[in-house]
């Protein structure tokens, strides 16, 4: 990740999953998979919220969901904090320090 010097550690991912628990999914991935419009939506959502939930509607196989999640991580310079069922949680720290909403614990 360019924004964070290192990958998220287990306890940091757990913290982020806790924050995301009550949040509703903001992006939905349908049968077309990753499209240009979907990429715009993901990027806008990460910039606005830092922590987002993405819901898989038409992908039920874990391998396919993992493959899509890896593509999202690479494309949007974000990191998956977890996947529960058909919902994945992604985090990308806001590049502007003053606009950051989430402080990830370091210990």
Protein backbone atom coordinates (compact mmCIF):
# COMPACT_ATOMS: atom_id res chain seq x y z
CA UNK A 1 0.00 0.00 0.00
CA UNK A 2 1.37 3.39 -0.93
CA UNK A 3 -0.58 5.31 1.73
CA UNK A 4 0.47 3.06 4.60
CA UNK A 5 4.11 2.10 4.91
CA UNK A 6 3.10 -1.44 5.84
CA UNK A 7 0.22 -3.82 5.42
CA UNK A 8 -2.50 -3.82 8.06
CA UNK A 9 -1.82 -6.16 10.95
CA UNK A 10 -4.41 -8.60 12.31
CA UNK A 11 -5.49 -6.43 15.24
CA UNK A 12 -5.84 -3.42 12.92
CA UNK A 13 -8.07 -5.39 10.54
CA UNK A 14 -10.14 -6.53 13.53
CA UNK A 15 -10.52 -2.89 14.64
CA UNK A 16 -11.64 -1.86 11.13
CA UNK A 17 -14.11 -4.76 10.91
CA UNK A 18 -15.57 -3.55 14.21
CA UNK A 19 -15.99 -0.04 12.82
CA UNK A 20 -17.62 -1.39 9.67
CA UNK A 21 -20.00 -3.69 11.54
CA UNK A 22 -22.98 -1.29 11.55
CA UNK A 23 -22.22 0.26 8.15
CA UNK A 24 -24.30 -0.63 5.12
CA UNK A 25 -22.65 -1.74 1.85
CA UNK A 26 -22.04 1.27 -0.40
CA UNK A 27 -21.04 -0.58 -3.58
CA UNK A 28 -22.64 -3.68 -5.09
CA UNK A 29 -20.88 -5.99 -7.55
CA UNK A 30 -23.31 -7.60 -9.97
CA UNK A 31 -22.97 -10.08 -12.81
CA UNK A 32 -20.79 -7.78 -14.94
CA UNK A 33 -18.07 -7.88 -12.29
CA UNK A 34 -15.61 -5.01 -12.24
CA UNK A 35 -16.50 -2.30 -14.74
CA UNK A 36 -15.26 1.25 -15.28
CA UNK A 37 -18.34 2.62 -13.52
CA UNK A 38 -17.85 0.26 -10.60
CA UNK A 39 -14.22 1.34 -10.28
CA UNK A 40 -15.33 4.99 -10.15
CA UNK A 41 -17.89 4.16 -7.46
CA UNK A 42 -15.31 2.29 -5.36
CA UNK A 43 -12.76 5.09 -5.69
CA UNK A 44 -15.31 7.77 -4.78
CA UNK A 45 -16.56 5.75 -1.80
CA UNK A 46 -13.03 5.10 -0.47
CA UNK A 47 -12.16 8.79 -0.80
CA UNK A 48 -15.35 9.85 0.98
CA UNK A 49 -15.46 7.20 3.72
CA UNK A 50 -12.01 5.50 3.92
CA UNK A 51 -13.74 2.32 5.14
CA UNK A 52 -16.39 0.76 2.89
CA UNK A 53 -18.38 -2.41 2.51
CA UNK A 54 -18.82 -3.99 -0.89
CA UNK A 55 -21.55 -6.57 -1.42
CA UNK A 56 -21.24 -9.36 -3.98
CA UNK A 57 -24.63 -10.01 -5.54
CA UNK A 58 -23.96 -12.54 -8.27
CA UNK A 59 -20.73 -14.15 -7.08
CA UNK A 60 -21.19 -16.97 -4.61
CA UNK A 61 -17.88 -18.86 -5.05
CA UNK A 62 -15.25 -17.85 -2.52
CA UNK A 63 -12.42 -18.10 -5.11
CA UNK A 64 -14.15 -15.63 -7.45
CA UNK A 65 -14.90 -13.19 -4.60
CA UNK A 66 -11.27 -13.38 -3.44
CA UNK A 67 -10.05 -12.79 -7.01
CA UNK A 68 -12.26 -9.70 -7.34
CA UNK A 69 -11.12 -8.45 -3.91
CA UNK A 70 -7.45 -8.76 -4.93
CA UNK A 71 -8.16 -6.80 -8.12
CA UNK A 72 -9.88 -4.06 -6.08
CA UNK A 73 -6.90 -3.90 -3.68
CA UNK A 74 -4.42 -3.46 -6.54
CA UNK A 75 -6.56 -1.05 -8.57
CA UNK A 76 -7.52 1.24 -5.69
CA UNK A 77 -4.43 0.99 -3.45
CA UNK A 78 -6.61 -0.21 -0.58
CA UNK A 79 -6.62 -3.23 1.68
CA UNK A 80 -9.31 -5.74 2.50
CA UNK A 81 -9.96 -5.82 6.26
CA UNK A 82 -12.17 -8.87 5.96
CA UNK A 83 -14.85 -10.76 4.10
CA UNK A 84 -17.95 -12.02 5.82
CA UNK A 85 -20.33 -14.01 3.65
CA UNK A 86 -20.95 -11.99 0.49
CA UNK A 87 -19.67 -8.70 1.92
CA UNK A 88 -16.07 -7.46 1.83
CA UNK A 89 -14.65 -4.59 3.89
CA UNK A 90 -11.99 -2.35 2.33
CA UNK A 91 -9.89 0.41 3.88
CA UNK A 92 -7.82 3.16 2.27
CA UNK A 93 -6.41 5.96 4.37
CA UNK A 94 -7.32 9.40 3.04
CA UNK A 95 -4.25 11.08 1.49
CA UNK A 96 -5.14 14.43 3.12
CA UNK A 97 -4.34 14.28 6.85
CA UNK A 98 -7.01 16.86 7.69
CA UNK A 99 -9.76 14.82 6.01
CA UNK A 100 -8.93 11.51 7.70
CA UNK A 101 -11.84 10.17 9.73
CA UNK A 102 -10.33 6.91 10.95
CA UNK A 103 -7.33 6.53 13.22
CA UNK A 104 -6.05 2.98 12.98
CA UNK A 105 -4.40 1.85 16.23
CA UNK A 106 -0.70 1.05 16.04
CA UNK A 107 -0.63 -1.18 19.14
